[in-house]
């Protein structure tokens, strides 16, 4: 019984390298890569704008519920 466990452990250890091997990346078309980068940049810009909008909305809600008066402090020198 112990011999079987030892044999299976050795077999699994020997084949684990083949399981974890990575395939090389497929060659990419430069035009498609540039288009994908432009789309990703546009999406990131849109997401950043939405994040800022909702952060401002959350801060305003917090200030309203806590009864804090006065203008919100400017952050980042904008």
PDB file of N, CA and C in Angstrom:
ATOM      1  N   UNK A   1       0.816  -1.186   0.000  1.00  0.00           N
ATOM      2  CA  UNK A   1       0.000   0.000   0.000  1.00  0.00           C
ATOM      3  C   UNK A   1       0.865   1.258   0.000  1.00  0.00           C
ATOM      4  N   UNK A   2       1.873   1.288   0.839  1.00  0.00           N
ATOM      5  CA  UNK A   2       2.737   2.460   0.905  1.00  0.00           C
ATOM      6  C   UNK A   2       3.517   2.631  -0.391  1.00  0.00           C
ATOM      7  N   UNK A   3       3.839   1.505  -1.041  1.00  0.00           N
ATOM      8  CA  UNK A   3       4.559   1.585  -2.304  1.00  0.00           C
ATOM      9  C   UNK A   3       3.698   2.269  -3.370  1.00  0.00           C
ATOM     10  N   UNK A   4       2.402   1.977  -3.386  1.00  0.00           N
ATOM     11  CA  UNK A   4       1.493   2.614  -4.345  1.00  0.00           C
ATOM     12  C   UNK A   4       1.416   4.125  -4.114  1.00  0.00           C
ATOM     13  N   UNK A   5       1.333   4.527  -2.863  1.00  0.00           N
ATOM     14  CA  UNK A   5       1.274   5.954  -2.541  1.00  0.00           C
ATOM     15  C   UNK A   5       2.556   6.640  -2.971  1.00  0.00           C
ATOM     16  N   UNK A   6       3.675   6.017  -2.705  1.00  0.00           N
ATOM     17  CA  UNK A   6       4.964   6.569  -3.102  1.00  0.00           C
ATOM     18  C   UNK A   6       5.067   6.663  -4.619  1.00  0.00           C
ATOM     19  N   UNK A   7       4.642   5.629  -5.311  1.00  0.00           N
ATOM     20  CA  UNK A   7       4.690   5.622  -6.770  1.00  0.00           C
ATOM     21  C   UNK A   7       3.795   6.713  -7.361  1.00  0.00           C
ATOM     22  N   UNK A   8       2.591   6.877  -6.837  1.00  0.00           N
ATOM     23  CA  UNK A   8       1.685   7.907  -7.338  1.00  0.00           C
ATOM     24  C   UNK A   8       2.222   9.307  -7.045  1.00  0.00           C
ATOM     25  N   UNK A   9       2.832   9.498  -5.887  1.00  0.00           N
ATOM     26  CA  UNK A   9       3.414  10.790  -5.536  1.00  0.00           C
ATOM     27  C   UNK A   9       4.539  11.148  -6.491  1.00  0.00           C
ATOM     28  N   UNK A  10       5.383  10.203  -6.797  1.00  0.00           N
ATOM     29  CA  UNK A  10       6.492  10.436  -7.728  1.00  0.00           C
ATOM     30  C   UNK A  10       5.961  10.717  -9.124  1.00  0.00           C
ATOM     31  N   UNK A  11       4.960   9.978  -9.552  1.00  0.00           N
ATOM     32  CA  UNK A  11       4.390  10.194 -10.878  1.00  0.00           C
ATOM     33  C   UNK A  11       3.740  11.575 -10.976  1.00  0.00           C
ATOM     34  N   UNK A  12       3.030  11.975  -9.950  1.00  0.00           N
ATOM     35  CA  UNK A  12       2.391  13.288  -9.965  1.00  0.00           C
ATOM     36  C   UNK A  12       3.429  14.407  -9.945  1.00  0.00           C
ATOM     37  N   UNK A  13       4.491  14.230  -9.190  1.00  0.00           N
ATOM     38  CA  UNK A  13       5.538  15.247  -9.134  1.00  0.00           C
ATOM     39  C   UNK A  13       6.257  15.361 -10.478  1.00  0.00           C
ATOM     40  N   UNK A  14       6.443  14.241 -11.155  1.00  0.00           N
ATOM     41  CA  UNK A  14       7.149  14.244 -12.436  1.00  0.00           C
ATOM     42  C   UNK A  14       6.323  14.907 -13.533  1.00  0.00           C
ATOM     43  N   UNK A  15       5.006  14.779 -13.468  1.00  0.00           N
ATOM     44  CA  UNK A  15       4.171  15.343 -14.530  1.00  0.00           C
ATOM     45  C   UNK A  15       3.672  16.751 -14.216  1.00  0.00           C
ATOM     46  N   UNK A  16       3.924  17.244 -13.011  1.00  0.00           N
ATOM     47  CA  UNK A  16       3.402  18.566 -12.662  1.00  0.00           C
ATOM     48  C   UNK A  16       4.052  19.673 -13.492  1.00  0.00           C
ATOM     49  N   UNK A  17       5.270  19.498 -13.918  1.00  0.00           N
ATOM     50  CA  UNK A  17       5.931  20.499 -14.745  1.00  0.00           C
ATOM     51  C   UNK A  17       5.223  20.689 -16.079  1.00  0.00           C
ATOM     52  N   UNK A  18       4.755  19.624 -16.660  1.00  0.00           N
ATOM     53  CA  UNK A  18       4.059  19.709 -17.938  1.00  0.00           C
ATOM     54  C   UNK A  18       2.700  20.393 -17.779  1.00  0.00           C
ATOM     55  N   UNK A  19       2.089  20.235 -16.640  1.00  0.00           N
ATOM     56  CA  UNK A  19       0.790  20.838 -16.402  1.00  0.00           C
ATOM     57  C   UNK A  19       0.925  22.352 -16.246  1.00  0.00           C
ATOM     58  N   UNK A  20       1.966  22.820 -15.602  1.00  0.00           N
ATOM     59  CA  UNK A  20       2.154  24.244 -15.322  1.00  0.00           C
ATOM     60  C   UNK A  20       2.874  24.990 -16.440  1.00  0.00           C
ATOM     61  N   UNK A  21       3.266  24.315 -17.501  1.00  0.00           N
ATOM     62  CA  UNK A  21       3.986  24.970 -18.591  1.00  0.00           C
ATOM     63  C   UNK A  21       3.081  25.984 -19.289  1.00  0.00           C
ATOM     64  N   UNK A  22       3.686  27.092 -19.716  1.00  0.00           N
ATOM     65  CA  UNK A  22       2.919  28.131 -20.406  1.00  0.00           C
ATOM     66  C   UNK A  22       3.163  28.021 -21.903  1.00  0.00           C
ATOM     67  N   UNK A  23       2.118  28.314 -22.633  1.00  0.00           N
ATOM     68  CA  UNK A  23       2.240  28.367 -24.079  1.00  0.00           C
ATOM     69  C   UNK A  23       2.733  29.744 -24.474  1.00  0.00           C
ATOM     70  N   UNK A  24       3.475  29.854 -25.566  1.00  0.00           N
ATOM     71  CA  UNK A  24       3.916  31.183 -25.991  1.00  0.00           C
ATOM     72  C   UNK A  24       2.725  32.025 -26.451  1.00  0.00           C
ATOM     73  N   UNK A  25       2.867  33.334 -26.314  1.00  0.00           N
ATOM     74  CA  UNK A  25       1.783  34.243 -26.690  1.00  0.00           C
ATOM     75  C   UNK A  25       1.626  34.249 -28.208  1.00  0.00           C
ATOM     76  N   UNK A  26       0.400  34.354 -28.646  1.00  0.00           N
ATOM     77  CA  UNK A  26       0.128  34.405 -30.077  1.00  0.00           C
ATOM     78  C   UNK A  26       0.620  35.744 -30.631  1.00  0.00           C
ATOM     79  N   UNK A  27       1.129  35.757 -31.854  1.00  0.00           N
ATOM     80  CA  UNK A  27       1.572  37.031 -32.418  1.00  0.00           C
ATOM     81  C   UNK A  27       0.393  37.990 -32.568  1.00  0.00           C
ATOM     82  N   UNK A  28       0.596  39.242 -32.167  1.00  0.00           N
ATOM     83  CA  UNK A  28      -0.489  40.230 -32.185  1.00  0.00           C
ATOM     84  C   UNK A  28      -0.327  41.175 -33.366  1.00  0.00           C
ATOM     85  N   UNK A  29      -1.451  41.556 -33.934  1.00  0.00           N
ATOM     86  CA  UNK A  29      -1.466  42.521 -35.018  1.00  0.00           C
ATOM     87  C   UNK A  29      -1.302  43.916 -34.410  1.00  0.00           C
ATOM     88  N   UNK A  30      -0.328  44.710 -34.859  1.00  0.00           N
ATOM     89  CA  UNK A  30      -0.114  46.031 -34.257  1.00  0.00           C
ATOM     90  C   UNK A  30      -1.331  46.955 -34.369  1.00  0.00           C
ATOM     91  N   UNK A  31      -2.066  46.883 -35.453  1.00  0.00           N
ATOM     92  CA  UNK A  31      -3.240  47.739 -35.610  1.00  0.00           C
ATOM     93  C   UNK A  31      -4.325  47.358 -34.609  1.00  0.00           C
ATOM     94  N   UNK A  32      -4.553  46.063 -34.438  1.00  0.00           N
ATOM     95  CA  UNK A  32      -5.561  45.608 -33.475  1.00  0.00           C
ATOM     96  C   UNK A  32      -5.126  45.951 -32.056  1.00  0.00           C
ATOM     97  N   UNK A  33      -3.822  45.836 -31.784  1.00  0.00           N
ATOM     98  CA  UNK A  33      -3.321  46.150 -30.452  1.00  0.00           C
ATOM     99  C   UNK A  33      -3.514  47.640 -30.148  1.00  0.00           C
ATOM    100  N   UNK A  34      -3.253  48.499 -31.128  1.00  0.00           N
ATOM    101  CA  UNK A  34      -3.435  49.932 -30.933  1.00  0.00           C
ATOM    102  C   UNK A  34      -4.908  50.271 -30.721  1.00  0.00           C
ATOM    103  N   UNK A  35      -5.780  49.615 -31.480  1.00  0.00           N
ATOM    104  CA  UNK A  35      -7.216  49.846 -31.325  1.00  0.00           C
ATOM    105  C   UNK A  35      -7.691  49.390 -29.948  1.00  0.00           C
ATOM    106  N   UNK A  36      -7.218  48.242 -29.501  1.00  0.00           N
ATOM    107  CA  UNK A  36      -7.601  47.735 -28.189  1.00  0.00           C
ATOM    108  C   UNK A  36      -7.079  48.655 -27.089  1.00  0.00           C
ATOM    109  N   UNK A  37      -5.868  49.181 -27.263  1.00  0.00           N
ATOM    110  CA  UNK A  37      -5.304  50.105 -26.271  1.00  0.00           C
ATOM    111  C   UNK A  37      -6.122  51.384 -26.221  1.00  0.00           C
ATOM    112  N   UNK A  38      -6.535  51.897 -27.383  1.00  0.00           N
ATOM    113  CA  UNK A  38      -7.348  53.111 -27.420  1.00  0.00           C
ATOM    114  C   UNK A  38      -8.691  52.881 -26.719  1.00  0.00           C
ATOM    115  N   UNK A  39      -9.303  51.730 -26.949  1.00  0.00           N
ATOM    116  CA  UNK A  39     -10.570  51.403 -26.291  1.00  0.00           C
ATOM    117  C   UNK A  39     -10.385  51.306 -24.781  1.00  0.00           C
ATOM    118  N   UNK A  40      -9.301  50.659 -24.366  1.00  0.00           N
ATOM    119  CA  UNK A  40      -9.040  50.502 -22.936  1.00  0.00           C
ATOM    120  C   UNK A  40      -8.773  51.858 -22.278  1.00  0.00           C
ATOM    121  N   UNK A  41      -8.046  52.744 -22.973  1.00  0.00           N
ATOM    122  CA  UNK A  41      -7.784  54.075 -22.431  1.00  0.00           C
ATOM    123  C   UNK A  41      -9.070  54.880 -22.294  1.00  0.00           C
ATOM    124  N   UNK A  42      -9.924  54.799 -23.302  1.00  0.00           N
ATOM    125  CA  UNK A  42     -11.203  55.513 -23.260  1.00  0.00           C
ATOM    126  C   UNK A  42     -12.074  54.988 -22.119  1.00  0.00           C
ATOM    127  N   UNK A  43     -12.115  53.673 -21.946  1.00  0.00           N
ATOM    128  CA  UNK A  43     -12.903  53.075 -20.868  1.00  0.00           C
ATOM    129  C   UNK A  43     -12.340  53.473 -19.504  1.00  0.00           C
ATOM    130  N   UNK A  44     -11.019  53.518 -19.382  1.00  0.00           N
ATOM    131  CA  UNK A  44     -10.401  53.905 -18.120  1.00  0.00           C
ATOM    132  C   UNK A  44     -10.720  55.367 -17.792  1.00  0.00           C
ATOM    133  N   UNK A  45     -10.707  56.225 -18.804  1.00  0.00           N
ATOM    134  CA  UNK A  45     -11.023  57.636 -18.586  1.00  0.00           C
ATOM    135  C   UNK A  45     -12.485  57.793 -18.149  1.00  0.00           C
ATOM    136  N   UNK A  46     -13.370  57.073 -18.807  1.00  0.00           N
ATOM    137  CA  UNK A  46     -14.789  57.129 -18.457  1.00  0.00           C
ATOM    138  C   UNK A  46     -15.010  56.619 -17.033  1.00  0.00           C
ATOM    139  N   UNK A  47     -14.343  55.521 -16.688  1.00  0.00           N
ATOM    140  CA  UNK A  47     -14.478  54.963 -15.341  1.00  0.00           C
ATOM    141  C   UNK A  47     -13.948  55.932 -14.288  1.00  0.00           C
ATOM    142  N   UNK A  48     -12.847  56.603 -14.582  1.00  0.00           N
ATOM    143  CA  UNK A  48     -12.284  57.568 -13.637  1.00  0.00           C
ATOM    144  C   UNK A  48     -13.233  58.742 -13.436  1.00  0.00           C
ATOM    145  N   UNK A  49     -13.848  59.212 -14.508  1.00  0.00           N
ATOM    146  CA  UNK A  49     -14.811  60.307 -14.392  1.00  0.00           C
ATOM    147  C   UNK A  49     -16.022  59.893 -13.556  1.00  0.00           C
ATOM    148  N   UNK A  50     -16.532  58.690 -13.808  1.00  0.00           N
ATOM    149  CA  UNK A  50     -17.673  58.201 -13.032  1.00  0.00           C
ATOM    150  C   UNK A  50     -17.302  58.008 -11.563  1.00  0.00           C
ATOM    151  N   UNK A  51     -16.103  57.516 -11.312  1.00  0.00           N
ATOM    152  CA  UNK A  51     -15.666  57.323  -9.932  1.00  0.00           C
ATOM    153  C   UNK A  51     -15.618  58.656  -9.205  1.00  0.00           C
ATOM    154  N   UNK A  52     -15.062  59.677  -9.853  1.00  0.00           N
ATOM    155  CA  UNK A  52     -15.010  60.995  -9.238  1.00  0.00           C
ATOM    156  C   UNK A  52     -16.391  61.549  -8.966  1.00  0.00           C
ATOM    157  N   UNK A  53     -17.291  61.358  -9.918  1.00  0.00           N
ATOM    158  CA  UNK A  53     -18.666  61.847  -9.759  1.00  0.00           C
ATOM    159  C   UNK A  53     -19.336  61.194  -8.554  1.00  0.00           C
ATOM    160  N   UNK A  54     -19.222  59.884  -8.436  1.00  0.00           N
ATOM    161  CA  UNK A  54     -19.884  59.182  -7.345  1.00  0.00           C
ATOM    162  C   UNK A  54     -19.186  59.400  -6.007  1.00  0.00           C
ATOM    163  N   UNK A  55     -17.877  59.664  -6.023  1.00  0.00           N
ATOM    164  CA  UNK A  55     -17.200  60.014  -4.776  1.00  0.00           C
ATOM    165  C   UNK A  55     -17.700  61.362  -4.277  1.00  0.00           C
ATOM    166  N   UNK A  56     -17.861  62.316  -5.194  1.00  0.00           N
ATOM    167  CA  UNK A  56     -18.396  63.619  -4.817  1.00  0.00           C
ATOM    168  C   UNK A  56     -19.814  63.487  -4.271  1.00  0.00           C
ATOM    169  N   UNK A  57     -20.614  62.633  -4.920  1.00  0.00           N
ATOM    170  CA  UNK A  57     -21.990  62.420  -4.479  1.00  0.00           C
ATOM    171  C   UNK A  57     -22.021  61.792  -3.078  1.00  0.00           C
ATOM    172  N   UNK A  58     -21.135  60.832  -2.831  1.00  0.00           N
ATOM    173  CA  UNK A  58     -21.083  60.183  -1.516  1.00  0.00           C
ATOM    174  C   UNK A  58     -20.620  61.170  -0.448  1.00  0.00           C
ATOM    175  N   UNK A  59     -19.633  62.006  -0.781  1.00  0.00           N
ATOM    176  CA  UNK A  59     -19.146  62.993   0.176  1.00  0.00           C
ATOM    177  C   UNK A  59     -20.237  64.016   0.498  1.00  0.00           C
ATOM    178  N   UNK A  60     -20.975  64.446  -0.513  1.00  0.00           N
ATOM    179  CA  UNK A  60     -22.069  65.399  -0.285  1.00  0.00           C
ATOM    180  C   UNK A  60     -23.145  64.780   0.597  1.00  0.00           C
ATOM    181  N   UNK A  61     -23.470  63.520   0.377  1.00  0.00           N
ATOM    182  CA  UNK A  61     -24.467  62.836   1.195  1.00  0.00           C
ATOM    183  C   UNK A  61     -23.984  62.716   2.640  1.00  0.00           C
ATOM    184  N   UNK A  62     -22.725  62.398   2.822  1.00  0.00           N
ATOM    185  CA  UNK A  62     -22.161  62.288   4.163  1.00  0.00           C
ATOM    186  C   UNK A  62     -22.230  63.635   4.879  1.00  0.00           C
ATOM    187  N   UNK A  63     -21.821  64.696   4.164  1.00  0.00           N
ATOM    188  CA  UNK A  63     -21.830  66.027   4.759  1.00  0.00           C
ATOM    189  C   UNK A  63     -23.260  66.451   5.113  1.00  0.00           C
ATOM    190  N   UNK A  64     -24.214  66.110   4.263  1.00  0.00           N
ATOM    191  CA  UNK A  64     -25.611  66.471   4.523  1.00  0.00           C
ATOM    192  C   UNK A  64     -26.131  65.739   5.755  1.00  0.00           C
ATOM    193  N   UNK A  65     -25.848  64.449   5.866  1.00  0.00           N
ATOM    194  CA  UNK A  65     -26.361  63.649   6.974  1.00  0.00           C
ATOM    195  C   UNK A  65     -25.677  63.967   8.295  1.00  0.00           C
ATOM    196  N   UNK A  66     -24.433  64.407   8.251  1.00  0.00           N
ATOM    197  CA  UNK A  66     -23.721  64.753   9.472  1.00  0.00           C
ATOM    198  C   UNK A  66     -23.954  66.204   9.886  1.00  0.00           C
ATOM    199  N   UNK A  67     -24.602  66.979   9.024  1.00  0.00           N
ATOM    200  CA  UNK A  67     -24.888  68.374   9.350  1.00  0.00           C
ATOM    201  C   UNK A  67     -23.675  69.271   9.204  1.00  0.00           C
ATOM    202  N   UNK A  68     -22.740  68.896   8.370  1.00  0.00           N
ATOM    203  CA  UNK A  68     -21.540  69.700   8.168  1.00  0.00           C
ATOM    204  C   UNK A  68     -21.877  70.821   7.195  1.00  0.00           C
ATOM    205  N   UNK A  69     -21.568  72.048   7.614  1.00  0.00           N
ATOM    206  CA  UNK A  69     -21.868  73.202   6.776  1.00  0.00           C
ATOM    207  C   UNK A  69     -20.590  73.723   6.139  1.00  0.00           C
ATOM    208  N   UNK A  70     -20.792  74.521   5.108  1.00  0.00           N
ATOM    209  CA  UNK A  70     -19.651  75.133   4.444  1.00  0.00           C
ATOM    210  C   UNK A  70     -19.277  74.357   3.196  1.00  0.00           C
ATOM    211  N   UNK A  71     -18.415  74.959   2.394  1.00  0.00           N
ATOM    212  CA  UNK A  71     -18.032  74.289   1.136  1.00  0.00           C
ATOM    213  C   UNK A  71     -17.122  73.091   1.413  1.00  0.00           C
ATOM    214  N   UNK A  72     -17.190  72.139   0.520  1.00  0.00           N
ATOM    215  CA  UNK A  72     -16.328  70.969   0.641  1.00  0.00           C
ATOM    216  C   UNK A  72     -14.893  71.385   0.353  1.00  0.00           C
ATOM    217  N   UNK A  73     -13.926  70.846   1.094  1.00  0.00           N
ATOM    218  CA  UNK A  73     -12.532  71.209   0.848  1.00  0.00           C
ATOM    219  C   UNK A  73     -12.060  70.698  -0.508  1.00  0.00           C
ATOM    220  N   UNK A  74     -11.229  71.500  -1.174  1.00  0.00           N
ATOM    221  CA  UNK A  74     -10.671  71.103  -2.465  1.00  0.00           C
ATOM    222  C   UNK A  74      -9.504  70.169  -2.223  1.00  0.00           C
ATOM    223  N   UNK A  75      -9.446  69.097  -2.990  1.00  0.00           N
ATOM    224  CA  UNK A  75      -8.369  68.126  -2.865  1.00  0.00           C
ATOM    225  C   UNK A  75      -7.623  68.061  -4.177  1.00  0.00           C
ATOM    226  N   UNK A  76      -6.310  68.046  -4.115  1.00  0.00           N
ATOM    227  CA  UNK A  76      -5.520  67.878  -5.327  1.00  0.00           C
ATOM    228  C   UNK A  76      -5.261  69.178  -6.067  1.00  0.00           C
ATOM    229  N   UNK A  77      -5.596  70.294  -5.525  1.00  0.00           N
ATOM    230  CA  UNK A  77      -5.314  71.568  -6.155  1.00  0.00           C
ATOM    231  C   UNK A  77      -6.086  71.833  -7.433  1.00  0.00           C
ATOM    232  N   UNK A  78      -7.265  71.282  -7.534  1.00  0.00           N
ATOM    233  CA  UNK A  78      -8.069  71.490  -8.747  1.00  0.00           C
ATOM    234  C   UNK A  78      -8.807  72.788  -8.687  1.00  0.00           C
TER     235      UNK A  78
END
